[in-house]
Amino acid sequence: MDPLEPLLSRHSTPSRQLGEPGPDDAQLRRLLAAAVHVPDHGRLTPWRFLRIAGHARHALGEALVDRMTEREPGISEDKLARERSRFAHAPCIVAVIARLTPGHKVPESEQLHSAGCACFSLLLAAHALGFGAQWLTGWAAYDPVIAHRLGLREHERIAGFIHVGTIHAAQPERERPDPRALLTDWQPA
């Protein structure tokens, strides 16, 4: 087998097409073990993980409905129904929480990149174990009220919600850009 095949075949599966079963506890530990093998300048561990599963997915959906009603009085019932179901499909969602250390010699941008790498590593690990996954953010990842409801502390933010489950609908491969068109060689003047 081509050693790059898992990388070349990975794709995102829309969260609405993910269902049971999701990773069990042992599989989730393996996913997280892969996620912590990312670049981490200064050994800061600038991320942590928050599992949202079972009833918690629906409770978070209700929290989104409450928040959207505050943010947009008069919002339509259709939009509220979408918010209510935002976390209802994949059986396991892992929120990757970026834990930033302001003023450290490792710039906050590099700390955030490390958290992003943890998100991508979770996607790759899910694919390697035969699950589908999607990395999502959306307004809820940036809303301070939702962050508070999820227990985020000062200098923490959501890098991504990684939805993981079994693929229930085939996802066609999308066309990818030609990497040769994206590569240039720098030449000194």
N, C-alpha and C. Protein backbone atom coordinates (compact mmCIF):
# COMPACT_ATOMS: atom_id res chain seq x y z
N MET A 1 0.84 -1.18 0.00
CA MET A 1 0.00 0.00 0.00
C MET A 1 0.88 1.24 0.00
N ASP A 2 0.44 2.23 -0.75
CA ASP A 2 1.13 3.52 -0.78
C ASP A 2 1.05 4.14 0.61
N PRO A 3 2.19 4.46 1.24
CA PRO A 3 2.14 5.00 2.60
C PRO A 3 1.40 6.34 2.68
N LEU A 4 1.25 7.04 1.56
CA LEU A 4 0.52 8.32 1.58
C LEU A 4 -0.98 8.14 1.33
N GLU A 5 -1.42 6.92 1.05
CA GLU A 5 -2.82 6.68 0.72
C GLU A 5 -3.79 7.23 1.77
N PRO A 6 -3.54 7.04 3.07
CA PRO A 6 -4.49 7.62 4.04
C PRO A 6 -4.59 9.14 3.94
N LEU A 7 -3.49 9.79 3.59
CA LEU A 7 -3.54 11.25 3.43
C LEU A 7 -4.25 11.64 2.14
N LEU A 8 -3.96 10.87 1.08
CA LEU A 8 -4.52 11.21 -0.22
C LEU A 8 -6.00 10.84 -0.36
N SER A 9 -6.48 9.94 0.48
CA SER A 9 -7.89 9.53 0.39
C SER A 9 -8.77 10.20 1.44
N ARG A 10 -8.18 10.94 2.36
CA ARG A 10 -8.98 11.60 3.39
C ARG A 10 -9.87 12.67 2.78
N HIS A 11 -11.09 12.73 3.23
CA HIS A 11 -12.01 13.79 2.81
C HIS A 11 -12.97 14.07 3.96
N SER A 12 -13.55 15.21 3.92
CA SER A 12 -14.54 15.56 4.93
C SER A 12 -15.88 14.97 4.54
N THR A 13 -16.58 14.45 5.52
CA THR A 13 -17.94 13.95 5.33
C THR A 13 -18.86 14.91 6.06
N PRO A 14 -19.84 15.48 5.37
CA PRO A 14 -20.75 16.41 6.06
C PRO A 14 -21.32 15.78 7.33
N SER A 15 -21.37 16.55 8.39
CA SER A 15 -21.80 16.02 9.68
C SER A 15 -23.20 15.41 9.60
N ARG A 16 -24.04 15.92 8.72
CA ARG A 16 -25.39 15.38 8.58
C ARG A 16 -25.38 13.95 8.02
N GLN A 17 -24.26 13.54 7.44
CA GLN A 17 -24.16 12.19 6.89
C GLN A 17 -23.41 11.24 7.83
N LEU A 18 -23.19 11.68 9.06
CA LEU A 18 -22.50 10.86 10.05
C LEU A 18 -23.49 10.39 11.10
N GLY A 19 -23.37 9.12 11.47
CA GLY A 19 -24.27 8.59 12.48
C GLY A 19 -23.58 7.54 13.33
N GLU A 20 -24.39 6.79 14.05
CA GLU A 20 -23.88 5.72 14.91
C GLU A 20 -23.34 4.59 14.03
N PRO A 21 -22.38 3.85 14.50
CA PRO A 21 -21.69 4.08 15.76
C PRO A 21 -20.58 5.11 15.60
N GLY A 22 -20.29 5.74 16.72
CA GLY A 22 -19.14 6.63 16.78
C GLY A 22 -18.01 5.89 17.46
N PRO A 23 -16.91 6.57 17.69
CA PRO A 23 -15.79 5.91 18.36
C PRO A 23 -16.16 5.56 19.80
N ASP A 24 -15.76 4.35 20.21
CA ASP A 24 -15.93 4.00 21.62
C ASP A 24 -14.81 4.66 22.42
N ASP A 25 -14.78 4.45 23.72
CA ASP A 25 -13.79 5.13 24.56
C ASP A 25 -12.36 4.80 24.15
N ALA A 26 -12.10 3.53 23.85
CA ALA A 26 -10.74 3.13 23.46
C ALA A 26 -10.36 3.77 22.12
N GLN A 27 -11.27 3.80 21.18
CA GLN A 27 -10.99 4.43 19.88
C GLN A 27 -10.79 5.93 20.05
N LEU A 28 -11.60 6.56 20.89
CA LEU A 28 -11.43 7.99 21.11
C LEU A 28 -10.07 8.28 21.73
N ARG A 29 -9.64 7.44 22.66
CA ARG A 29 -8.30 7.65 23.24
C ARG A 29 -7.23 7.55 22.16
N ARG A 30 -7.39 6.65 21.21
CA ARG A 30 -6.42 6.55 20.10
C ARG A 30 -6.46 7.79 19.23
N LEU A 31 -7.66 8.29 18.95
CA LEU A 31 -7.77 9.53 18.16
C LEU A 31 -7.05 10.68 18.87
N LEU A 32 -7.27 10.78 20.16
CA LEU A 32 -6.64 11.86 20.92
C LEU A 32 -5.13 11.66 21.03
N ALA A 33 -4.69 10.40 21.10
CA ALA A 33 -3.25 10.13 21.13
C ALA A 33 -2.60 10.62 19.84
N ALA A 34 -3.29 10.45 18.73
CA ALA A 34 -2.77 10.96 17.46
C ALA A 34 -2.77 12.49 17.46
N ALA A 35 -3.80 13.07 18.06
CA ALA A 35 -3.94 14.53 18.05
C ALA A 35 -2.86 15.24 18.85
N VAL A 36 -2.28 14.57 19.83
CA VAL A 36 -1.26 15.24 20.64
C VAL A 36 0.14 15.09 20.03
N HIS A 37 0.25 14.39 18.91
CA HIS A 37 1.54 14.26 18.22
C HIS A 37 1.67 15.33 17.13
N VAL A 38 1.42 16.55 17.51
CA VAL A 38 1.48 17.67 16.56
C VAL A 38 2.59 18.62 17.00
N PRO A 39 3.04 19.49 16.09
CA PRO A 39 4.05 20.47 16.50
C PRO A 39 3.54 21.29 17.69
N ASP A 40 4.42 21.47 18.65
CA ASP A 40 4.07 22.19 19.87
C ASP A 40 5.31 22.93 20.34
N HIS A 41 5.59 24.05 19.71
CA HIS A 41 6.78 24.82 20.07
C HIS A 41 6.69 25.26 21.52
N GLY A 42 7.72 25.06 22.25
CA GLY A 42 7.76 25.44 23.65
C GLY A 42 7.09 24.44 24.57
N ARG A 43 6.61 23.34 24.03
CA ARG A 43 5.91 22.31 24.82
C ARG A 43 4.84 22.93 25.72
N LEU A 44 4.04 23.80 25.14
CA LEU A 44 3.00 24.49 25.89
C LEU A 44 1.71 23.69 26.02
N THR A 45 1.55 22.68 25.16
CA THR A 45 0.27 21.97 25.04
C THR A 45 -0.86 23.01 24.92
N PRO A 46 -0.83 23.76 23.81
CA PRO A 46 -1.78 24.86 23.67
C PRO A 46 -3.17 24.42 23.18
N TRP A 47 -3.64 23.27 23.66
CA TRP A 47 -4.95 22.77 23.30
C TRP A 47 -5.40 21.79 24.37
N ARG A 48 -6.71 21.62 24.39
CA ARG A 48 -7.33 20.58 25.20
C ARG A 48 -8.56 20.13 24.43
N PHE A 49 -9.18 19.06 24.92
CA PHE A 49 -10.29 18.47 24.18
C PHE A 49 -11.53 18.41 25.05
N LEU A 50 -12.68 18.64 24.44
CA LEU A 50 -13.96 18.60 25.11
C LEU A 50 -14.88 17.70 24.29
N ARG A 51 -15.26 16.55 24.86
CA ARG A 51 -16.17 15.63 24.14
C ARG A 51 -17.60 16.09 24.36
N ILE A 52 -18.34 16.12 23.26
CA ILE A 52 -19.77 16.44 23.28
C ILE A 52 -20.46 15.23 22.65
N ALA A 53 -21.14 14.45 23.47
CA ALA A 53 -21.75 13.21 22.99
C ALA A 53 -23.06 12.97 23.73
N GLY A 54 -23.84 12.03 23.22
CA GLY A 54 -25.10 11.67 23.86
C GLY A 54 -26.02 12.87 24.00
N HIS A 55 -26.65 12.96 25.16
CA HIS A 55 -27.61 14.03 25.42
C HIS A 55 -26.96 15.42 25.35
N ALA A 56 -25.67 15.51 25.65
CA ALA A 56 -24.99 16.81 25.63
C ALA A 56 -25.09 17.47 24.25
N ARG A 57 -25.12 16.69 23.17
CA ARG A 57 -25.25 17.25 21.82
C ARG A 57 -26.56 18.02 21.68
N HIS A 58 -27.64 17.43 22.22
CA HIS A 58 -28.95 18.07 22.11
C HIS A 58 -29.06 19.27 23.06
N ALA A 59 -28.44 19.16 24.23
CA ALA A 59 -28.43 20.29 25.16
C ALA A 59 -27.69 21.47 24.55
N LEU A 60 -26.59 21.18 23.84
CA LEU A 60 -25.85 22.26 23.17
C LEU A 60 -26.70 22.87 22.07
N GLY A 61 -27.45 22.05 21.35
CA GLY A 61 -28.37 22.58 20.34
C GLY A 61 -29.39 23.53 20.94
N GLU A 62 -29.92 23.18 22.11
CA GLU A 62 -30.87 24.07 22.79
C GLU A 62 -30.19 25.36 23.23
N ALA A 63 -28.93 25.25 23.67
CA ALA A 63 -28.19 26.46 24.05
C ALA A 63 -28.00 27.37 22.83
N LEU A 64 -27.76 26.77 21.66
CA LEU A 64 -27.62 27.57 20.44
C LEU A 64 -28.93 28.28 20.11
N VAL A 65 -30.05 27.58 20.28
CA VAL A 65 -31.36 28.18 20.02
C VAL A 65 -31.58 29.37 20.96
N ASP A 66 -31.28 29.17 22.25
CA ASP A 66 -31.45 30.27 23.22
C ASP A 66 -30.59 31.46 22.83
N ARG A 67 -29.34 31.20 22.45
CA ARG A 67 -28.42 32.29 22.11
C ARG A 67 -28.85 33.00 20.83
N MET A 68 -29.27 32.22 19.82
CA MET A 68 -29.70 32.85 18.57
C MET A 68 -30.94 33.70 18.78
N THR A 69 -31.81 33.27 19.67
CA THR A 69 -33.02 34.05 19.98
C THR A 69 -32.63 35.38 20.63
N GLU A 70 -31.57 35.35 21.47
CA GLU A 70 -31.07 36.61 22.05
C GLU A 70 -30.44 37.49 21.00
N ARG A 71 -29.63 36.87 20.14
CA ARG A 71 -28.89 37.64 19.13
C ARG A 71 -29.78 38.20 18.04
N GLU A 72 -30.78 37.42 17.65
CA GLU A 72 -31.65 37.80 16.53
C GLU A 72 -33.11 37.64 16.92
N PRO A 73 -33.66 38.59 17.68
CA PRO A 73 -35.09 38.49 18.01
C PRO A 73 -35.91 38.39 16.71
N GLY A 74 -36.88 37.52 16.73
CA GLY A 74 -37.70 37.33 15.54
C GLY A 74 -37.13 36.35 14.54
N ILE A 75 -36.09 35.63 14.91
CA ILE A 75 -35.50 34.64 14.01
C ILE A 75 -36.55 33.59 13.64
N SER A 76 -36.48 33.09 12.44
CA SER A 76 -37.48 32.14 11.96
C SER A 76 -37.33 30.78 12.64
N GLU A 77 -38.44 30.06 12.70
CA GLU A 77 -38.44 28.71 13.27
C GLU A 77 -37.55 27.77 12.46
N ASP A 78 -37.47 27.96 11.14
CA ASP A 78 -36.59 27.13 10.30
C ASP A 78 -35.13 27.29 10.71
N LYS A 79 -34.73 28.54 10.93
CA LYS A 79 -33.34 28.78 11.34
C LYS A 79 -33.08 28.22 12.73
N LEU A 80 -34.04 28.34 13.62
CA LEU A 80 -33.87 27.78 14.96
C LEU A 80 -33.78 26.25 14.90
N ALA A 81 -34.55 25.64 14.02
CA ALA A 81 -34.49 24.18 13.88
C ALA A 81 -33.11 23.75 13.39
N ARG A 82 -32.50 24.54 12.49
CA ARG A 82 -31.13 24.22 12.02
C ARG A 82 -30.14 24.32 13.17
N GLU A 83 -30.28 25.34 13.99
CA GLU A 83 -29.37 25.49 15.14
C GLU A 83 -29.57 24.35 16.13
N ARG A 84 -30.82 23.98 16.37
CA ARG A 84 -31.14 22.91 17.31
C ARG A 84 -30.48 21.59 16.87
N SER A 85 -30.39 21.36 15.58
CA SER A 85 -29.85 20.08 15.08
C SER A 85 -28.37 20.16 14.70
N ARG A 86 -27.73 21.30 14.91
CA ARG A 86 -26.34 21.49 14.47
C ARG A 86 -25.40 20.41 15.01
N PHE A 87 -25.61 19.94 16.23
CA PHE A 87 -24.74 18.95 16.85
C PHE A 87 -25.44 17.60 17.04
N ALA A 88 -26.56 17.40 16.36
CA ALA A 88 -27.39 16.22 16.60
C ALA A 88 -27.05 15.02 15.72
N HIS A 89 -26.19 15.15 14.75
CA HIS A 89 -26.00 14.08 13.77
C HIS A 89 -24.86 13.14 14.14
N ALA A 90 -23.65 13.63 14.14
CA ALA A 90 -22.50 12.79 14.49
C ALA A 90 -22.62 12.39 15.95
N PRO A 91 -22.35 11.13 16.27
CA PRO A 91 -22.48 10.69 17.66
C PRO A 91 -21.41 11.24 18.60
N CYS A 92 -20.30 11.70 18.05
CA CYS A 92 -19.22 12.21 18.88
C CYS A 92 -18.67 13.48 18.25
N ILE A 93 -18.65 14.52 19.03
CA ILE A 93 -18.03 15.77 18.59
C ILE A 93 -16.92 16.07 19.59
N VAL A 94 -15.74 16.35 19.08
CA VAL A 94 -14.64 16.75 19.93
C VAL A 94 -14.35 18.21 19.64
N ALA A 95 -14.57 19.04 20.64
CA ALA A 95 -14.20 20.45 20.51
C ALA A 95 -12.73 20.55 20.87
N VAL A 96 -11.94 21.07 19.94
CA VAL A 96 -10.53 21.33 20.22
C VAL A 96 -10.45 22.75 20.72
N ILE A 97 -10.02 22.88 21.95
CA ILE A 97 -9.95 24.19 22.60
C ILE A 97 -8.51 24.67 22.58
N ALA A 98 -8.28 25.79 21.93
CA ALA A 98 -6.95 26.40 21.93
C ALA A 98 -6.74 27.08 23.27
N ARG A 99 -5.64 26.72 23.94
CA ARG A 99 -5.27 27.34 25.23
C ARG A 99 -4.06 28.23 24.97
N LEU A 100 -4.31 29.52 24.82
CA LEU A 100 -3.26 30.44 24.43
C LEU A 100 -2.57 31.05 25.64
N THR A 101 -1.26 31.18 25.53
CA THR A 101 -0.46 31.80 26.59
C THR A 101 0.05 33.14 26.06
N PRO A 102 -0.65 34.23 26.39
CA PRO A 102 -0.22 35.54 25.90
C PRO A 102 1.15 35.90 26.47
N GLY A 103 1.92 36.61 25.67
CA GLY A 103 3.22 37.11 26.11
C GLY A 103 4.32 36.08 26.17
N HIS A 104 4.05 34.86 25.76
CA HIS A 104 5.08 33.81 25.74
C HIS A 104 5.98 34.03 24.53
N LYS A 105 7.21 33.50 24.59
CA LYS A 105 8.12 33.65 23.45
C LYS A 105 7.59 32.95 22.21
N VAL A 106 6.75 31.93 22.38
CA VAL A 106 6.07 31.31 21.24
C VAL A 106 4.83 32.16 20.95
N PRO A 107 4.79 32.81 19.79
CA PRO A 107 3.67 33.71 19.48
C PRO A 107 2.32 32.98 19.55
N GLU A 108 1.30 33.73 19.92
CA GLU A 108 -0.04 33.15 20.00
C GLU A 108 -0.47 32.54 18.68
N SER A 109 -0.04 33.12 17.56
CA SER A 109 -0.42 32.56 16.27
C SER A 109 0.13 31.14 16.11
N GLU A 110 1.35 30.89 16.59
CA GLU A 110 1.91 29.53 16.52
C GLU A 110 1.18 28.58 17.46
N GLN A 111 0.76 29.08 18.60
CA GLN A 111 -0.01 28.26 19.52
C GLN A 111 -1.35 27.87 18.88
N LEU A 112 -1.97 28.83 18.22
CA LEU A 112 -3.24 28.55 17.54
C LEU A 112 -3.03 27.58 16.38
N HIS A 113 -1.92 27.73 15.65
CA HIS A 113 -1.62 26.77 14.57
C HIS A 113 -1.48 25.37 15.13
N SER A 114 -0.88 25.23 16.30
CA SER A 114 -0.73 23.92 16.92
C SER A 114 -2.11 23.31 17.21
N ALA A 115 -3.03 24.13 17.72
CA ALA A 115 -4.39 23.64 17.96
C ALA A 115 -5.06 23.23 16.65
N GLY A 116 -4.80 24.00 15.58
CA GLY A 116 -5.33 23.63 14.27
C GLY A 116 -4.76 22.31 13.79
N CYS A 117 -3.49 22.09 14.06
CA CYS A 117 -2.88 20.80 13.71
C CYS A 117 -3.54 19.66 14.49
N ALA A 118 -3.90 19.91 15.75
CA ALA A 118 -4.59 18.88 16.53
C ALA A 118 -5.94 18.56 15.89
N CYS A 119 -6.63 19.58 15.39
CA CYS A 119 -7.89 19.35 14.67
C CYS A 119 -7.67 18.46 13.46
N PHE A 120 -6.67 18.80 12.66
CA PHE A 120 -6.44 18.02 11.44
C PHE A 120 -5.96 16.61 11.77
N SER A 121 -5.16 16.48 12.80
CA SER A 121 -4.71 15.15 13.19
C SER A 121 -5.89 14.28 13.63
N LEU A 122 -6.87 14.88 14.30
CA LEU A 122 -8.09 14.14 14.65
C LEU A 122 -8.82 13.67 13.40
N LEU A 123 -8.90 14.52 12.39
CA LEU A 123 -9.54 14.12 11.13
C LEU A 123 -8.82 12.94 10.50
N LEU A 124 -7.49 13.03 10.44
CA LEU A 124 -6.71 11.95 9.84
C LEU A 124 -6.85 10.66 10.63
N ALA A 125 -6.82 10.75 11.95
CA ALA A 125 -6.94 9.56 12.79
C ALA A 125 -8.31 8.93 12.64
N ALA A 126 -9.36 9.75 12.58
CA ALA A 126 -10.71 9.22 12.38
C ALA A 126 -10.79 8.47 11.06
N HIS A 127 -10.23 9.04 10.01
CA HIS A 127 -10.22 8.39 8.70
C HIS A 127 -9.46 7.06 8.77
N ALA A 128 -8.32 7.07 9.45
CA ALA A 128 -7.50 5.86 9.55
C ALA A 128 -8.24 4.74 10.29
N LEU A 129 -9.12 5.10 11.22
CA LEU A 129 -9.90 4.09 11.96
C LEU A 129 -11.22 3.74 11.26
N GLY A 130 -11.44 4.32 10.09
CA GLY A 130 -12.62 3.97 9.32
C GLY A 130 -13.85 4.83 9.59
N PHE A 131 -13.69 5.92 10.31
CA PHE A 131 -14.80 6.83 10.57
C PHE A 131 -14.80 7.96 9.56
N GLY A 132 -15.93 8.61 9.44
CA GLY A 132 -16.01 9.86 8.71
C GLY A 132 -15.88 10.98 9.72
N ALA A 133 -15.44 12.13 9.25
CA ALA A 133 -15.29 13.27 10.16
C ALA A 133 -15.38 14.57 9.39
N GLN A 134 -15.75 15.61 10.11
CA GLN A 134 -15.78 16.96 9.54
C GLN A 134 -15.36 17.95 10.61
N TRP A 135 -14.54 18.91 10.21
CA TRP A 135 -14.08 20.00 11.08
C TRP A 135 -14.97 21.20 10.78
N LEU A 136 -15.70 21.64 11.79
CA LEU A 136 -16.59 22.78 11.63
C LEU A 136 -16.30 23.82 12.71
N THR A 137 -16.62 25.05 12.39
CA THR A 137 -16.59 26.10 13.39
C THR A 137 -17.98 26.75 13.41
N GLY A 138 -18.21 27.73 12.56
CA GLY A 138 -19.49 28.43 12.57
C GLY A 138 -19.53 29.45 13.68
N TRP A 139 -20.62 30.18 13.72
CA TRP A 139 -20.76 31.29 14.66
C TRP A 139 -20.57 30.83 16.10
N ALA A 140 -21.02 29.62 16.42
CA ALA A 140 -20.96 29.15 17.81
C ALA A 140 -19.53 29.04 18.33
N ALA A 141 -18.58 28.83 17.43
CA ALA A 141 -17.18 28.72 17.86
C ALA A 141 -16.61 30.06 18.30
N TYR A 142 -17.26 31.15 17.93
CA TYR A 142 -16.72 32.48 18.20
C TYR A 142 -17.60 33.29 19.16
N ASP A 143 -18.69 32.70 19.61
CA ASP A 143 -19.63 33.42 20.45
C ASP A 143 -19.21 33.32 21.92
N PRO A 144 -19.04 34.46 22.62
CA PRO A 144 -18.57 34.40 24.01
C PRO A 144 -19.56 33.74 24.97
N VAL A 145 -20.85 33.84 24.70
CA VAL A 145 -21.84 33.20 25.58
C VAL A 145 -21.76 31.68 25.44
N ILE A 146 -21.64 31.20 24.23
CA ILE A 146 -21.50 29.75 24.00
C ILE A 146 -20.18 29.27 24.60
N ALA A 147 -19.11 30.05 24.44
CA ALA A 147 -17.82 29.68 25.04
C ALA A 147 -17.96 29.52 26.55
N HIS A 148 -18.67 30.44 27.17
CA HIS A 148 -18.90 30.37 28.61
C HIS A 148 -19.71 29.11 28.97
N ARG A 149 -20.75 28.83 28.19
CA ARG A 149 -21.58 27.63 28.43
C ARG A 149 -20.75 26.35 28.33
N LEU A 150 -19.74 26.36 27.45
CA LEU A 150 -18.88 25.19 27.28
C LEU A 150 -17.75 25.14 28.30
N GLY A 151 -17.66 26.14 29.14
CA GLY A 151 -16.66 26.12 30.20
C GLY A 151 -15.29 26.61 29.78
N LEU A 152 -15.21 27.38 28.69
CA LEU A 152 -13.91 27.92 28.29
C LEU A 152 -13.45 28.96 29.30
N ARG A 153 -12.16 28.97 29.50
CA ARG A 153 -11.55 29.89 30.45
C ARG A 153 -10.92 31.07 29.69
N GLU A 154 -10.41 32.00 30.46
CA GLU A 154 -9.72 33.14 29.86
C GLU A 154 -8.58 32.63 28.98
N HIS A 155 -8.39 33.22 27.84
CA HIS A 155 -7.35 32.89 26.87
C HIS A 155 -7.58 31.55 26.20
N GLU A 156 -8.82 31.07 26.23
CA GLU A 156 -9.17 29.86 25.48
C GLU A 156 -10.16 30.23 24.39
N ARG A 157 -10.08 29.48 23.30
CA ARG A 157 -11.06 29.64 22.23
C ARG A 157 -11.20 28.33 21.49
N ILE A 158 -12.29 28.20 20.79
CA ILE A 158 -12.56 26.98 20.05
C ILE A 158 -11.81 27.03 18.73
N ALA A 159 -10.94 26.05 18.51
CA ALA A 159 -10.24 25.94 17.23
C ALA A 159 -11.10 25.19 16.23
N GLY A 160 -11.93 24.28 16.71
CA GLY A 160 -12.80 23.55 15.82
C GLY A 160 -13.64 22.53 16.56
N PHE A 161 -14.79 22.23 15.97
CA PHE A 161 -15.63 21.14 16.42
C PHE A 161 -15.40 20.01 15.42
N ILE A 162 -14.84 18.90 15.88
CA ILE A 162 -14.57 17.76 15.01
C ILE A 162 -15.70 16.76 15.20
N HIS A 163 -16.55 16.62 14.19
CA HIS A 163 -17.68 15.71 14.22
C HIS A 163 -17.20 14.36 13.69
N VAL A 164 -17.43 13.29 14.46
CA VAL A 164 -16.92 11.96 14.10
C VAL A 164 -18.05 10.94 14.20
N GLY A 165 -18.15 10.10 13.19
CA GLY A 165 -19.14 9.03 13.22
C GLY A 165 -18.97 8.11 12.03
N THR A 166 -19.93 7.24 11.86
CA THR A 166 -19.94 6.31 10.74
C THR A 166 -20.61 6.99 9.55
N ILE A 167 -20.00 6.84 8.40
CA ILE A 167 -20.52 7.46 7.17
C ILE A 167 -21.77 6.69 6.74
N HIS A 168 -22.87 7.42 6.56
CA HIS A 168 -24.12 6.81 6.15
C HIS A 168 -24.52 7.14 4.72
N ALA A 169 -23.76 7.94 4.05
CA ALA A 169 -24.01 8.25 2.64
C ALA A 169 -22.66 8.47 1.98
N ALA A 170 -22.48 7.84 0.84
CA ALA A 170 -21.20 7.96 0.13
C ALA A 170 -20.97 9.41 -0.26
N GLN A 171 -19.74 9.83 -0.08
CA GLN A 171 -19.36 11.20 -0.40
C GLN A 171 -18.46 11.15 -1.63
N PRO A 172 -18.87 11.73 -2.75
CA PRO A 172 -18.00 11.71 -3.92
C PRO A 172 -16.73 12.53 -3.68
N GLU A 173 -15.65 12.08 -4.25
CA GLU A 173 -14.38 12.83 -4.13
C GLU A 173 -14.53 14.13 -4.91
N ARG A 174 -14.11 15.20 -4.29
CA ARG A 174 -14.16 16.49 -5.00
C ARG A 174 -12.84 16.70 -5.73
N GLU A 175 -12.89 17.55 -6.72
CA GLU A 175 -11.68 17.85 -7.46
C GLU A 175 -10.76 18.68 -6.57
N ARG A 176 -9.51 18.30 -6.56
CA ARG A 176 -8.51 19.00 -5.75
C ARG A 176 -7.65 19.86 -6.67
N PRO A 177 -7.06 20.92 -6.13
CA PRO A 177 -6.18 21.74 -6.96
C PRO A 177 -4.92 20.97 -7.34
N ASP A 178 -4.35 21.33 -8.46
CA ASP A 178 -3.10 20.73 -8.92
C ASP A 178 -1.97 21.33 -8.09
N PRO A 179 -1.27 20.53 -7.29
CA PRO A 179 -0.23 21.09 -6.44
C PRO A 179 0.88 21.77 -7.23
N ARG A 180 1.10 21.33 -8.46
CA ARG A 180 2.15 21.96 -9.28
C ARG A 180 1.82 23.41 -9.56
N ALA A 181 0.53 23.72 -9.66
CA ALA A 181 0.12 25.10 -9.93
C ALA A 181 0.28 25.98 -8.69
N LEU A 182 0.45 25.37 -7.54
CA LEU A 182 0.56 26.12 -6.29
C LEU A 182 2.00 26.31 -5.84
N LEU A 183 2.93 25.68 -6.54
CA LEU A 183 4.33 25.69 -6.13
C LEU A 183 5.14 26.66 -7.00
N THR A 184 5.90 27.50 -6.32
CA THR A 184 6.88 28.34 -7.02
C THR A 184 8.21 28.15 -6.31
N ASP A 185 9.25 28.44 -7.00
CA ASP A 185 10.60 28.36 -6.42
C ASP A 185 11.09 29.77 -6.17
N TRP A 186 11.52 30.00 -4.95
CA TRP A 186 12.10 31.29 -4.62
C TRP A 186 13.52 31.32 -5.16
N GLN A 187 13.87 32.40 -5.75
CA GLN A 187 15.23 32.61 -6.25
C GLN A 187 15.76 33.91 -5.66
N PRO A 188 16.97 33.90 -5.13
CA PRO A 188 17.52 35.16 -4.61
C PRO A 188 17.72 36.14 -5.76
N ALA A 189 17.55 37.40 -5.44
CA ALA A 189 17.69 38.45 -6.46
C ALA A 189 19.15 38.64 -6.84
